[in-house]
Amino acid sequence: MKKVLLFSFFFCFMAVAQKSQAQIQIFNTKLKITVVDELGNLVGDAQVTLFATLEDYKAEKNPVQKMQLTDGKGKVTFKKLDKSQYYVIVRKGDKTNAGGGEMVNNLEKGKVNKANVVITAL
């Protein structure tokens, strides 16, 4: 009887622990960026980099996470972010948003936040 109770307790404990871990993974703060060109076309394979400060953005150093490429639908998602503002640089070929830059702020904690970035020729 003790073994059955111990097994039941262990099973319940593991189920709760796995649920808590799943919630942590599901409900982290994310930023989904969609990249479009000046005509509104989705841009795949664009390089997207996030920076935490204006100084890092201007110097293009210390990215928050490694650079990511947009998918075929022009989208990229950065996960496990802090609720903070971020500066975004996007490049593909001769097109970029670096002239005016892009700042994303007011991220909601535990949500998928969305932003659109337009890139144009220099």
PDB file of N, CA and C in Angstrom:
ATOM      1  N   MET A   1       0.818  -1.188   0.000  1.00  0.00           N
ATOM      2  CA  MET A   1       0.000   0.000   0.000  1.00  0.00           C
ATOM      3  C   MET A   1       0.867   1.258   0.000  1.00  0.00           C
ATOM      4  N   LYS A   2       1.969   1.238   0.789  1.00  0.00           N
ATOM      5  CA  LYS A   2       2.860   2.390   0.848  1.00  0.00           C
ATOM      6  C   LYS A   2       3.504   2.647  -0.511  1.00  0.00           C
ATOM      7  N   LYS A   3       3.859   1.577  -1.212  1.00  0.00           N
ATOM      8  CA  LYS A   3       4.470   1.731  -2.530  1.00  0.00           C
ATOM      9  C   LYS A   3       3.495   2.363  -3.507  1.00  0.00           C
ATOM     10  N   VAL A   4       2.228   1.979  -3.437  1.00  0.00           N
ATOM     11  CA  VAL A   4       1.202   2.533  -4.323  1.00  0.00           C
ATOM     12  C   VAL A   4       1.025   4.011  -4.026  1.00  0.00           C
ATOM     13  N   LEU A   5       0.944   4.386  -2.746  1.00  0.00           N
ATOM     14  CA  LEU A   5       0.798   5.787  -2.370  1.00  0.00           C
ATOM     15  C   LEU A   5       2.018   6.598  -2.781  1.00  0.00           C
ATOM     16  N   LEU A   6       3.191   6.053  -2.556  1.00  0.00           N
ATOM     17  CA  LEU A   6       4.418   6.737  -2.939  1.00  0.00           C
ATOM     18  C   LEU A   6       4.475   6.929  -4.448  1.00  0.00           C
ATOM     19  N   PHE A   7       4.121   5.901  -5.206  1.00  0.00           N
ATOM     20  CA  PHE A   7       4.105   6.001  -6.664  1.00  0.00           C
ATOM     21  C   PHE A   7       3.081   7.052  -7.118  1.00  0.00           C
ATOM     22  N   SER A   8       1.897   7.039  -6.510  1.00  0.00           N
ATOM     23  CA  SER A   8       0.856   8.011  -6.863  1.00  0.00           C
ATOM     24  C   SER A   8       1.320   9.424  -6.577  1.00  0.00           C
ATOM     25  N   PHE A   9       1.940   9.636  -5.419  1.00  0.00           N
ATOM     26  CA  PHE A   9       2.447  10.961  -5.071  1.00  0.00           C
ATOM     27  C   PHE A   9       3.509  11.397  -6.070  1.00  0.00           C
ATOM     28  N   PHE A  10       4.447  10.514  -6.380  1.00  0.00           N
ATOM     29  CA  PHE A  10       5.519  10.824  -7.324  1.00  0.00           C
ATOM     30  C   PHE A  10       4.943  11.170  -8.698  1.00  0.00           C
ATOM     31  N   PHE A  11       3.964  10.387  -9.162  1.00  0.00           N
ATOM     32  CA  PHE A  11       3.347  10.628 -10.465  1.00  0.00           C
ATOM     33  C   PHE A  11       2.673  12.004 -10.499  1.00  0.00           C
ATOM     34  N   CYS A  12       1.916  12.331  -9.440  1.00  0.00           N
ATOM     35  CA  CYS A  12       1.248  13.639  -9.368  1.00  0.00           C
ATOM     36  C   CYS A  12       2.270  14.771  -9.341  1.00  0.00           C
ATOM     37  N   PHE A  13       3.351  14.592  -8.568  1.00  0.00           N
ATOM     38  CA  PHE A  13       4.397  15.601  -8.481  1.00  0.00           C
ATOM     39  C   PHE A  13       5.033  15.844  -9.850  1.00  0.00           C
ATOM     40  N   MET A  14       5.330  14.785 -10.576  1.00  0.00           N
ATOM     41  CA  MET A  14       5.946  14.907 -11.897  1.00  0.00           C
ATOM     42  C   MET A  14       4.997  15.581 -12.885  1.00  0.00           C
ATOM     43  N   ALA A  15       3.720  15.270 -12.798  1.00  0.00           N
ATOM     44  CA  ALA A  15       2.738  15.890 -13.698  1.00  0.00           C
ATOM     45  C   ALA A  15       2.670  17.390 -13.455  1.00  0.00           C
ATOM     46  N   VAL A  16       2.656  17.810 -12.195  1.00  0.00           N
ATOM     47  CA  VAL A  16       2.622  19.237 -11.867  1.00  0.00           C
ATOM     48  C   VAL A  16       3.922  19.905 -12.299  1.00  0.00           C
ATOM     49  N   ALA A  17       5.047  19.276 -12.077  1.00  0.00           N
ATOM     50  CA  ALA A  17       6.337  19.842 -12.465  1.00  0.00           C
ATOM     51  C   ALA A  17       6.424  20.016 -13.981  1.00  0.00           C
ATOM     52  N   GLN A  18       5.942  19.037 -14.733  1.00  0.00           N
ATOM     53  CA  GLN A  18       5.973  19.149 -16.191  1.00  0.00           C
ATOM     54  C   GLN A  18       5.040  20.241 -16.667  1.00  0.00           C
ATOM     55  N   LYS A  19       3.878  20.396 -16.033  1.00  0.00           N
ATOM     56  CA  LYS A  19       2.942  21.451 -16.413  1.00  0.00           C
ATOM     57  C   LYS A  19       3.560  22.817 -16.155  1.00  0.00           C
ATOM     58  N   SER A  20       4.222  22.980 -15.005  1.00  0.00           N
ATOM     59  CA  SER A  20       4.865  24.246 -14.690  1.00  0.00           C
ATOM     60  C   SER A  20       5.952  24.566 -15.710  1.00  0.00           C
ATOM     61  N   GLN A  21       6.757  23.574 -16.078  1.00  0.00           N
ATOM     62  CA  GLN A  21       7.808  23.775 -17.069  1.00  0.00           C
ATOM     63  C   GLN A  21       7.200  24.138 -18.417  1.00  0.00           C
ATOM     64  N   ALA A  22       6.107  23.498 -18.794  1.00  0.00           N
ATOM     65  CA  ALA A  22       5.447  23.803 -20.066  1.00  0.00           C
ATOM     66  C   ALA A  22       4.922  25.229 -20.068  1.00  0.00           C
ATOM     67  N   GLN A  23       4.363  25.679 -18.954  1.00  0.00           N
ATOM     68  CA  GLN A  23       3.858  27.049 -18.884  1.00  0.00           C
ATOM     69  C   GLN A  23       4.990  28.045 -19.019  1.00  0.00           C
ATOM     70  N   ILE A  24       6.129  27.750 -18.409  1.00  0.00           N
ATOM     71  CA  ILE A  24       7.277  28.644 -18.520  1.00  0.00           C
ATOM     72  C   ILE A  24       7.716  28.740 -19.978  1.00  0.00           C
ATOM     73  N   GLN A  25       7.745  27.628 -20.691  1.00  0.00           N
ATOM     74  CA  GLN A  25       8.179  27.629 -22.080  1.00  0.00           C
ATOM     75  C   GLN A  25       7.157  28.293 -22.991  1.00  0.00           C
ATOM     76  N   ILE A  26       5.875  28.088 -22.730  1.00  0.00           N
ATOM     77  CA  ILE A  26       4.834  28.630 -23.602  1.00  0.00           C
ATOM     78  C   ILE A  26       4.653  30.123 -23.400  1.00  0.00           C
ATOM     79  N   PHE A  27       4.718  30.586 -22.153  1.00  0.00           N
ATOM     80  CA  PHE A  27       4.359  31.955 -21.847  1.00  0.00           C
ATOM     81  C   PHE A  27       5.546  32.885 -21.677  1.00  0.00           C
ATOM     82  N   ASN A  28       6.605  32.672 -22.456  1.00  0.00           N
ATOM     83  CA  ASN A  28       7.696  33.636 -22.403  1.00  0.00           C
ATOM     84  C   ASN A  28       7.397  34.776 -23.370  1.00  0.00           C
ATOM     85  N   THR A  29       8.079  35.880 -23.181  1.00  0.00           N
ATOM     86  CA  THR A  29       7.841  37.069 -23.992  1.00  0.00           C
ATOM     87  C   THR A  29       8.527  36.903 -25.340  1.00  0.00           C
ATOM     88  N   LYS A  30       7.760  37.062 -26.409  1.00  0.00           N
ATOM     89  CA  LYS A  30       8.264  36.870 -27.763  1.00  0.00           C
ATOM     90  C   LYS A  30       8.028  38.130 -28.592  1.00  0.00           C
ATOM     91  N   LEU A  31       8.820  38.292 -29.625  1.00  0.00           N
ATOM     92  CA  LEU A  31       8.634  39.368 -30.583  1.00  0.00           C
ATOM     93  C   LEU A  31       8.653  38.772 -31.975  1.00  0.00           C
ATOM     94  N   LYS A  32       7.508  38.843 -32.650  1.00  0.00           N
ATOM     95  CA  LYS A  32       7.395  38.346 -34.024  1.00  0.00           C
ATOM     96  C   LYS A  32       7.459  39.555 -34.948  1.00  0.00           C
ATOM     97  N   ILE A  33       8.481  39.567 -35.801  1.00  0.00           N
ATOM     98  CA  ILE A  33       8.698  40.678 -36.724  1.00  0.00           C
ATOM     99  C   ILE A  33       8.379  40.210 -38.134  1.00  0.00           C
ATOM    100  N   THR A  34       7.594  41.018 -38.836  1.00  0.00           N
ATOM    101  CA  THR A  34       7.291  40.776 -40.244  1.00  0.00           C
ATOM    102  C   THR A  34       8.004  41.846 -41.058  1.00  0.00           C
ATOM    103  N   VAL A  35       8.791  41.416 -42.043  1.00  0.00           N
ATOM    104  CA  VAL A  35       9.552  42.340 -42.877  1.00  0.00           C
ATOM    105  C   VAL A  35       8.898  42.444 -44.240  1.00  0.00           C
ATOM    106  N   VAL A  36       8.664  43.685 -44.661  1.00  0.00           N
ATOM    107  CA  VAL A  36       8.089  43.956 -45.983  1.00  0.00           C
ATOM    108  C   VAL A  36       8.948  45.001 -46.691  1.00  0.00           C
ATOM    109  N   ASP A  37       8.860  45.017 -48.027  1.00  0.00           N
ATOM    110  CA  ASP A  37       9.562  46.052 -48.781  1.00  0.00           C
ATOM    111  C   ASP A  37       8.652  47.261 -48.951  1.00  0.00           C
ATOM    112  N   GLU A  38       9.137  48.260 -49.663  1.00  0.00           N
ATOM    113  CA  GLU A  38       8.380  49.514 -49.824  1.00  0.00           C
ATOM    114  C   GLU A  38       7.058  49.326 -50.570  1.00  0.00           C
ATOM    115  N   LEU A  39       6.904  48.212 -51.285  1.00  0.00           N
ATOM    116  CA  LEU A  39       5.652  47.923 -51.991  1.00  0.00           C
ATOM    117  C   LEU A  39       4.709  47.044 -51.169  1.00  0.00           C
ATOM    118  N   GLY A  40       5.157  46.641 -49.987  1.00  0.00           N
ATOM    119  CA  GLY A  40       4.330  45.800 -49.132  1.00  0.00           C
ATOM    120  C   GLY A  40       4.531  44.310 -49.347  1.00  0.00           C
ATOM    121  N   ASN A  41       5.516  43.941 -50.174  1.00  0.00           N
ATOM    122  CA  ASN A  41       5.809  42.527 -50.410  1.00  0.00           C
ATOM    123  C   ASN A  41       6.563  41.932 -49.218  1.00  0.00           C
ATOM    124  N   LEU A  42       6.202  40.717 -48.833  1.00  0.00           N
ATOM    125  CA  LEU A  42       6.910  40.024 -47.762  1.00  0.00           C
ATOM    126  C   LEU A  42       8.331  39.703 -48.216  1.00  0.00           C
ATOM    127  N   VAL A  43       9.288  39.853 -47.305  1.00  0.00           N
ATOM    128  CA  VAL A  43      10.692  39.669 -47.653  1.00  0.00           C
ATOM    129  C   VAL A  43      11.265  38.476 -46.889  1.00  0.00           C
ATOM    130  N   GLY A  44      11.532  37.396 -47.616  1.00  0.00           N
ATOM    131  CA  GLY A  44      12.167  36.222 -47.023  1.00  0.00           C
ATOM    132  C   GLY A  44      13.673  36.367 -47.016  1.00  0.00           C
ATOM    133  N   ASP A  45      14.331  35.635 -46.144  1.00  0.00           N
ATOM    134  CA  ASP A  45      15.794  35.600 -46.028  1.00  0.00           C
ATOM    135  C   ASP A  45      16.414  36.963 -45.706  1.00  0.00           C
ATOM    136  N   ALA A  46      15.664  37.813 -45.033  1.00  0.00           N
ATOM    137  CA  ALA A  46      16.227  39.085 -44.569  1.00  0.00           C
ATOM    138  C   ALA A  46      16.899  38.843 -43.219  1.00  0.00           C
ATOM    139  N   GLN A  47      18.009  39.523 -42.978  1.00  0.00           N
ATOM    140  CA  GLN A  47      18.743  39.402 -41.720  1.00  0.00           C
ATOM    141  C   GLN A  47      18.139  40.369 -40.700  1.00  0.00           C
ATOM    142  N   VAL A  48      17.707  39.841 -39.560  1.00  0.00           N
ATOM    143  CA  VAL A  48      17.081  40.656 -38.514  1.00  0.00           C
ATOM    144  C   VAL A  48      17.909  40.528 -37.240  1.00  0.00           C
ATOM    145  N   THR A  49      18.290  41.687 -36.690  1.00  0.00           N
ATOM    146  CA  THR A  49      19.091  41.715 -35.468  1.00  0.00           C
ATOM    147  C   THR A  49      18.463  42.676 -34.469  1.00  0.00           C
ATOM    148  N   LEU A  50      18.402  42.257 -33.195  1.00  0.00           N
ATOM    149  CA  LEU A  50      17.846  43.073 -32.113  1.00  0.00           C
ATOM    150  C   LEU A  50      18.959  43.606 -31.224  1.00  0.00           C
ATOM    151  N   PHE A  51      18.795  44.851 -30.786  1.00  0.00           N
ATOM    152  CA  PHE A  51      19.730  45.474 -29.851  1.00  0.00           C
ATOM    153  C   PHE A  51      18.935  46.069 -28.692  1.00  0.00           C
ATOM    154  N   ALA A  52      19.539  46.081 -27.510  1.00  0.00           N
ATOM    155  CA  ALA A  52      18.848  46.572 -26.320  1.00  0.00           C
ATOM    156  C   ALA A  52      19.005  48.074 -26.112  1.00  0.00           C
ATOM    157  N   THR A  53      20.087  48.654 -26.619  1.00  0.00           N
ATOM    158  CA  THR A  53      20.321  50.079 -26.399  1.00  0.00           C
ATOM    159  C   THR A  53      20.550  50.800 -27.721  1.00  0.00           C
ATOM    160  N   LEU A  54      20.321  52.092 -27.703  1.00  0.00           N
ATOM    161  CA  LEU A  54      20.547  52.908 -28.896  1.00  0.00           C
ATOM    162  C   LEU A  54      22.026  52.900 -29.275  1.00  0.00           C
ATOM    163  N   GLU A  55      22.895  52.924 -28.273  1.00  0.00           N
ATOM    164  CA  GLU A  55      24.338  52.905 -28.533  1.00  0.00           C
ATOM    165  C   GLU A  55      24.761  51.612 -29.242  1.00  0.00           C
ATOM    166  N   ASP A  56      24.260  50.481 -28.752  1.00  0.00           N
ATOM    167  CA  ASP A  56      24.582  49.201 -29.397  1.00  0.00           C
ATOM    168  C   ASP A  56      24.015  49.144 -30.807  1.00  0.00           C
ATOM    169  N   TYR A  57      22.812  49.680 -30.984  1.00  0.00           N
ATOM    170  CA  TYR A  57      22.172  49.728 -32.300  1.00  0.00           C
ATOM    171  C   TYR A  57      23.035  50.526 -33.279  1.00  0.00           C
ATOM    172  N   LYS A  58      23.462  51.718 -32.863  1.00  0.00           N
ATOM    173  CA  LYS A  58      24.263  52.578 -33.742  1.00  0.00           C
ATOM    174  C   LYS A  58      25.612  51.945 -34.074  1.00  0.00           C
ATOM    175  N   ALA A  59      26.216  51.280 -33.084  1.00  0.00           N
ATOM    176  CA  ALA A  59      27.518  50.647 -33.294  1.00  0.00           C
ATOM    177  C   ALA A  59      27.395  49.237 -33.867  1.00  0.00           C
ATOM    178  N   GLU A  60      26.173  48.721 -33.902  1.00  0.00           N
ATOM    179  CA  GLU A  60      25.895  47.361 -34.352  1.00  0.00           C
ATOM    180  C   GLU A  60      26.756  46.341 -33.608  1.00  0.00           C
ATOM    181  N   LYS A  61      26.706  46.432 -32.265  1.00  0.00           N
ATOM    182  CA  LYS A  61      27.441  45.489 -31.427  1.00  0.00           C
ATOM    183  C   LYS A  61      26.531  45.034 -30.287  1.00  0.00           C
ATOM    184  N   ASN A  62      26.882  43.924 -29.672  1.00  0.00           N
ATOM    185  CA  ASN A  62      26.137  43.367 -28.535  1.00  0.00           C
ATOM    186  C   ASN A  62      24.663  43.087 -28.839  1.00  0.00           C
ATOM    187  N   PRO A  63      24.372  42.319 -29.876  1.00  0.00           N
ATOM    188  CA  PRO A  63      22.958  42.001 -30.134  1.00  0.00           C
ATOM    189  C   PRO A  63      22.366  41.224 -28.966  1.00  0.00           C
ATOM    190  N   VAL A  64      21.057  41.378 -28.775  1.00  0.00           N
ATOM    191  CA  VAL A  64      20.349  40.690 -27.692  1.00  0.00           C
ATOM    192  C   VAL A  64      20.395  39.181 -27.914  1.00  0.00           C
ATOM    193  N   GLN A  65      20.185  38.771 -29.139  1.00  0.00           N
ATOM    194  CA  GLN A  65      20.274  37.372 -29.543  1.00  0.00           C
ATOM    195  C   GLN A  65      20.975  37.352 -30.898  1.00  0.00           C
ATOM    196  N   LYS A  66      21.354  36.164 -31.347  1.00  0.00           N
ATOM    197  CA  LYS A  66      22.030  36.105 -32.640  1.00  0.00           C
ATOM    198  C   LYS A  66      21.057  36.495 -33.758  1.00  0.00           C
ATOM    199  N   MET A  67      21.621  36.994 -34.832  1.00  0.00           N
ATOM    200  CA  MET A  67      20.852  37.398 -36.002  1.00  0.00           C
ATOM    201  C   MET A  67      20.022  36.216 -36.501  1.00  0.00           C
ATOM    202  N   GLN A  68      18.810  36.520 -36.971  1.00  0.00           N
ATOM    203  CA  GLN A  68      17.950  35.483 -37.538  1.00  0.00           C
ATOM    204  C   GLN A  68      17.530  35.892 -38.944  1.00  0.00           C
ATOM    205  N   LEU A  69      17.224  34.890 -39.763  1.00  0.00           N
ATOM    206  CA  LEU A  69      16.718  35.129 -41.117  1.00  0.00           C
ATOM    207  C   LEU A  69      15.212  34.957 -41.127  1.00  0.00           C
ATOM    208  N   THR A  70      14.532  35.831 -41.866  1.00  0.00           N
ATOM    209  CA  THR A  70      13.090  35.685 -41.997  1.00  0.00           C
ATOM    210  C   THR A  70      12.770  34.450 -42.827  1.00  0.00           C
ATOM    211  N   ASP A  71      11.591  33.890 -42.575  1.00  0.00           N
ATOM    212  CA  ASP A  71      11.150  32.729 -43.350  1.00  0.00           C
ATOM    213  C   ASP A  71      10.549  33.194 -44.672  1.00  0.00           C
ATOM    214  N   GLY A  72       9.968  32.292 -45.432  1.00  0.00           N
ATOM    215  CA  GLY A  72       9.381  32.618 -46.727  1.00  0.00           C
ATOM    216  C   GLY A  72       8.214  33.596 -46.655  1.00  0.00           C
ATOM    217  N   LYS A  73       7.657  33.771 -45.472  1.00  0.00           N
ATOM    218  CA  LYS A  73       6.548  34.718 -45.273  1.00  0.00           C
ATOM    219  C   LYS A  73       7.022  36.015 -44.638  1.00  0.00           C
ATOM    220  N   GLY A  74       8.343  36.214 -44.634  1.00  0.00           N
ATOM    221  CA  GLY A  74       8.903  37.459 -44.111  1.00  0.00           C
ATOM    222  C   GLY A  74       8.870  37.567 -42.597  1.00  0.00           C
ATOM    223  N   LYS A  75       8.724  36.449 -41.897  1.00  0.00           N
ATOM    224  CA  LYS A  75       8.575  36.487 -40.441  1.00  0.00           C
ATOM    225  C   LYS A  75       9.760  35.861 -39.724  1.00  0.00           C
ATOM    226  N   VAL A  76      10.028  36.395 -38.550  1.00  0.00           N
ATOM    227  CA  VAL A  76      11.039  35.860 -37.647  1.00  0.00           C
ATOM    228  C   VAL A  76      10.531  36.102 -36.231  1.00  0.00           C
ATOM    229  N   THR A  77      10.828  35.172 -35.315  1.00  0.00           N
ATOM    230  CA  THR A  77      10.375  35.309 -33.935  1.00  0.00           C
ATOM    231  C   THR A  77      11.561  35.199 -32.989  1.00  0.00           C
ATOM    232  N   PHE A  78      11.707  36.213 -32.154  1.00  0.00           N
ATOM    233  CA  PHE A  78      12.699  36.195 -31.091  1.00  0.00           C
ATOM    234  C   PHE A  78      11.970  35.795 -29.817  1.00  0.00           C
ATOM    235  N   LYS A  79      12.520  34.819 -29.087  1.00  0.00           N
ATOM    236  CA  LYS A  79      11.858  34.271 -27.908  1.00  0.00           C
ATOM    237  C   LYS A  79      12.644  34.596 -26.650  1.00  0.00           C
ATOM    238  N   LYS A  80      11.963  34.438 -25.522  1.00  0.00           N
ATOM    239  CA  LYS A  80      12.569  34.619 -24.193  1.00  0.00           C
ATOM    240  C   LYS A  80      13.188  35.999 -24.046  1.00  0.00           C
ATOM    241  N   LEU A  81      12.431  37.029 -24.408  1.00  0.00           N
ATOM    242  CA  LEU A  81      12.893  38.405 -24.280  1.00  0.00           C
ATOM    243  C   LEU A  81      12.423  39.010 -22.966  1.00  0.00           C
ATOM    244  N   ASP A  82      13.104  40.060 -22.545  1.00  0.00           N
ATOM    245  CA  ASP A  82      12.650  40.837 -21.402  1.00  0.00           C
ATOM    246  C   ASP A  82      11.584  41.812 -21.877  1.00  0.00           C
ATOM    247  N   LYS A  83      10.762  42.256 -20.935  1.00  0.00           N
ATOM    248  CA  LYS A  83       9.775  43.290 -21.260  1.00  0.00           C
ATOM    249  C   LYS A  83      10.539  44.603 -21.312  1.00  0.00           C
ATOM    250  N   SER A  84      10.980  44.958 -22.501  1.00  0.00           N
ATOM    251  CA  SER A  84      11.876  46.090 -22.684  1.00  0.00           C
ATOM    252  C   SER A  84      11.658  46.665 -24.072  1.00  0.00           C
ATOM    253  N   GLN A  85      12.408  47.706 -24.395  1.00  0.00           N
ATOM    254  CA  GLN A  85      12.383  48.200 -25.774  1.00  0.00           C
ATOM    255  C   GLN A  85      13.578  47.620 -26.512  1.00  0.00           C
ATOM    256  N   TYR A  86      13.423  47.484 -27.819  1.00  0.00           N
ATOM    257  CA  TYR A  86      14.480  46.916 -28.642  1.00  0.00           C
ATOM    258  C   TYR A  86      14.627  47.736 -29.911  1.00  0.00           C
ATOM    259  N   TYR A  87      15.842  47.792 -30.406  1.00  0.00           N
ATOM    260  CA  TYR A  87      16.148  48.444 -31.672  1.00  0.00           C
ATOM    261  C   TYR A  87      16.417  47.340 -32.687  1.00  0.00           C
ATOM    262  N   VAL A  88      15.855  47.502 -33.888  1.00  0.00           N
ATOM    263  CA  VAL A  88      15.891  46.447 -34.896  1.00  0.00           C
ATOM    264  C   VAL A  88      16.606  46.939 -36.145  1.00  0.00           C
ATOM    265  N   ILE A  89      17.522  46.124 -36.631  1.00  0.00           N
ATOM    266  CA  ILE A  89      18.143  46.371 -37.933  1.00  0.00           C
ATOM    267  C   ILE A  89      17.788  45.189 -38.830  1.00  0.00           C
ATOM    268  N   VAL A  90      17.292  45.514 -40.028  1.00  0.00           N
ATOM    269  CA  VAL A  90      16.943  44.492 -41.015  1.00  0.00           C
ATOM    270  C   VAL A  90      17.679  44.809 -42.303  1.00  0.00           C
ATOM    271  N   ARG A  91      18.261  43.771 -42.903  1.00  0.00           N
ATOM    272  CA  ARG A  91      18.973  43.943 -44.167  1.00  0.00           C
ATOM    273  C   ARG A  91      18.722  42.765 -45.095  1.00  0.00           C
ATOM    274  N   LYS A  92      18.608  43.107 -46.372  1.00  0.00           N
ATOM    275  CA  LYS A  92      18.616  42.090 -47.424  1.00  0.00           C
ATOM    276  C   LYS A  92      19.105  42.763 -48.697  1.00  0.00           C
ATOM    277  N   GLY A  93      20.243  42.298 -49.187  1.00  0.00           N
ATOM    278  CA  GLY A  93      20.826  42.901 -50.384  1.00  0.00           C
ATOM    279  C   GLY A  93      21.084  44.377 -50.161  1.00  0.00           C
ATOM    280  N   ASP A  94      20.552  45.225 -51.069  1.00  0.00           N
ATOM    281  CA  ASP A  94      20.761  46.668 -50.930  1.00  0.00           C
ATOM    282  C   ASP A  94      19.619  47.337 -50.144  1.00  0.00           C
ATOM    283  N   LYS A  95      18.742  46.550 -49.551  1.00  0.00           N
ATOM    284  CA  LYS A  95      17.614  47.114 -48.796  1.00  0.00           C
ATOM    285  C   LYS A  95      17.847  46.990 -47.292  1.00  0.00           C
ATOM    286  N   THR A  96      17.426  48.013 -46.569  1.00  0.00           N
ATOM    287  CA  THR A  96      17.590  48.035 -45.119  1.00  0.00           C
ATOM    288  C   THR A  96      16.576  48.994 -44.498  1.00  0.00           C
ATOM    289  N   ASN A  97      16.458  48.942 -43.205  1.00  0.00           N
ATOM    290  CA  ASN A  97      15.658  49.924 -42.469  1.00  0.00           C
ATOM    291  C   ASN A  97      16.593  50.835 -41.675  1.00  0.00           C
ATOM    292  N   ALA A  98      17.911  50.682 -41.872  1.00  0.00           N
ATOM    293  CA  ALA A  98      18.891  51.375 -41.037  1.00  0.00           C
ATOM    294  C   ALA A  98      18.848  52.886 -41.172  1.00  0.00           C
ATOM    295  N   GLY A  99      18.352  53.418 -42.269  1.00  0.00           N
ATOM    296  CA  GLY A  99      18.288  54.866 -42.426  1.00  0.00           C
ATOM    297  C   GLY A  99      17.459  55.529 -41.339  1.00  0.00           C
ATOM    298  N   GLY A 100      16.289  54.993 -41.081  1.00  0.00           N
ATOM    299  CA  GLY A 100      15.434  55.549 -40.043  1.00  0.00           C
ATOM    300  C   GLY A 100      15.424  54.689 -38.807  1.00  0.00           C
ATOM    301  N   GLY A 101      15.880  53.461 -38.972  1.00  0.00           N
ATOM    302  CA  GLY A 101      15.897  52.551 -37.831  1.00  0.00           C
ATOM    303  C   GLY A 101      14.510  52.131 -37.416  1.00  0.00           C
ATOM    304  N   GLU A 102      14.457  51.378 -36.400  1.00  0.00           N
ATOM    305  CA  GLU A 102      13.182  50.860 -35.913  1.00  0.00           C
ATOM    306  C   GLU A 102      13.331  50.576 -34.430  1.00  0.00           C
ATOM    307  N   MET A 103      12.391  51.094 -33.633  1.00  0.00           N
ATOM    308  CA  MET A 103      12.391  50.807 -32.208  1.00  0.00           C
ATOM    309  C   MET A 103      11.058  50.144 -31.873  1.00  0.00           C
ATOM    310  N   VAL A 104      11.136  49.048 -31.149  1.00  0.00           N
ATOM    311  CA  VAL A 104       9.947  48.330 -30.707  1.00  0.00           C
ATOM    312  C   VAL A 104       9.914  48.442 -29.188  1.00  0.00           C
ATOM    313  N   ASN A 105       8.794  48.940 -28.651  1.00  0.00           N
ATOM    314  CA  ASN A 105       8.706  49.038 -27.200  1.00  0.00           C
ATOM    315  C   ASN A 105       7.336  48.568 -26.727  1.00  0.00           C
ATOM    316  N   ASN A 106       7.147  48.644 -25.432  1.00  0.00           N
ATOM    317  CA  ASN A 106       5.890  48.229 -24.800  1.00  0.00           C
ATOM    318  C   ASN A 106       5.563  46.760 -25.048  1.00  0.00           C
ATOM    319  N   LEU A 107       6.580  45.895 -25.002  1.00  0.00           N
ATOM    320  CA  LEU A 107       6.312  44.467 -25.120  1.00  0.00           C
ATOM    321  C   LEU A 107       5.483  44.012 -23.926  1.00  0.00           C
ATOM    322  N   GLU A 108       4.504  43.175 -24.186  1.00  0.00           N
ATOM    323  CA  GLU A 108       3.700  42.604 -23.110  1.00  0.00           C
ATOM    324  C   GLU A 108       4.352  41.315 -22.649  1.00  0.00           C
ATOM    325  N   LYS A 109       4.590  41.221 -21.361  1.00  0.00           N
ATOM    326  CA  LYS A 109       5.243  40.050 -20.783  1.00  0.00           C
ATOM    327  C   LYS A 109       4.365  38.815 -20.966  1.00  0.00           C
ATOM    328  N   GLY A 110       4.988  37.711 -21.398  1.00  0.00           N
ATOM    329  CA  GLY A 110       4.276  36.457 -21.566  1.00  0.00           C
ATOM    330  C   GLY A 110       3.402  36.395 -22.801  1.00  0.00           C
ATOM    331  N   LYS A 111       3.568  37.328 -23.727  1.00  0.00           N
ATOM    332  CA  LYS A 111       2.740  37.384 -24.938  1.00  0.00           C
ATOM    333  C   LYS A 111       3.619  37.330 -26.184  1.00  0.00           C
ATOM    334  N   VAL A 112       2.976  37.067 -27.318  1.00  0.00           N
ATOM    335  CA  VAL A 112       3.642  37.189 -28.616  1.00  0.00           C
ATOM    336  C   VAL A 112       3.368  38.610 -29.099  1.00  0.00           C
ATOM    337  N   ASN A 113       4.375  39.443 -29.063  1.00  0.00           N
ATOM    338  CA  ASN A 113       4.275  40.826 -29.515  1.00  0.00           C
ATOM    339  C   ASN A 113       4.628  40.866 -30.998  1.00  0.00           C
ATOM    340  N   LYS A 114       3.993  41.770 -31.735  1.00  0.00           N
ATOM    341  CA  LYS A 114       4.208  41.806 -33.189  1.00  0.00           C
ATOM    342  C   LYS A 114       4.642  43.196 -33.634  1.00  0.00           C
ATOM    343  N   ALA A 115       5.498  43.204 -34.654  1.00  0.00           N
ATOM    344  CA  ALA A 115       5.945  44.459 -35.245  1.00  0.00           C
ATOM    345  C   ALA A 115       6.205  44.243 -36.723  1.00  0.00           C
ATOM    346  N   ASN A 116       5.964  45.265 -37.518  1.00  0.00           N
ATOM    347  CA  ASN A 116       6.272  45.257 -38.940  1.00  0.00           C
ATOM    348  C   ASN A 116       7.437  46.181 -39.191  1.00  0.00           C
ATOM    349  N   VAL A 117       8.355  45.768 -40.065  1.00  0.00           N
ATOM    350  CA  VAL A 117       9.491  46.584 -40.425  1.00  0.00           C
ATOM    351  C   VAL A 117       9.542  46.685 -41.943  1.00  0.00           C
ATOM    352  N   VAL A 118       9.644  47.926 -42.432  1.00  0.00           N
ATOM    353  CA  VAL A 118       9.726  48.169 -43.869  1.00  0.00           C
ATOM    354  C   VAL A 118      11.184  48.430 -44.238  1.00  0.00           C
ATOM    355  N   ILE A 119      11.650  47.730 -45.262  1.00  0.00           N
ATOM    356  CA  ILE A 119      13.009  47.971 -45.745  1.00  0.00           C
ATOM    357  C   ILE A 119      12.943  48.574 -47.140  1.00  0.00           C
ATOM    358  N   THR A 120      13.888  49.471 -47.419  1.00  0.00           N
ATOM    359  CA  THR A 120      13.950  50.143 -48.708  1.00  0.00           C
ATOM    360  C   THR A 120      15.409  50.185 -49.185  1.00  0.00           C
ATOM    361  N   ALA A 121      15.593  50.501 -50.462  1.00  0.00           N
ATOM    362  CA  ALA A 121      16.945  50.620 -51.011  1.00  0.00           C
ATOM    363  C   ALA A 121      17.603  51.865 -50.437  1.00  0.00           C
ATOM    364  N   LEU A 122      18.918  51.767 -50.236  1.00  0.00           N
ATOM    365  CA  LEU A 122      19.669  52.914 -49.694  1.00  0.00           C
ATOM    366  C   LEU A 122      19.743  54.049 -50.673  1.00  0.00           C
TER     367      LEU A 122
END
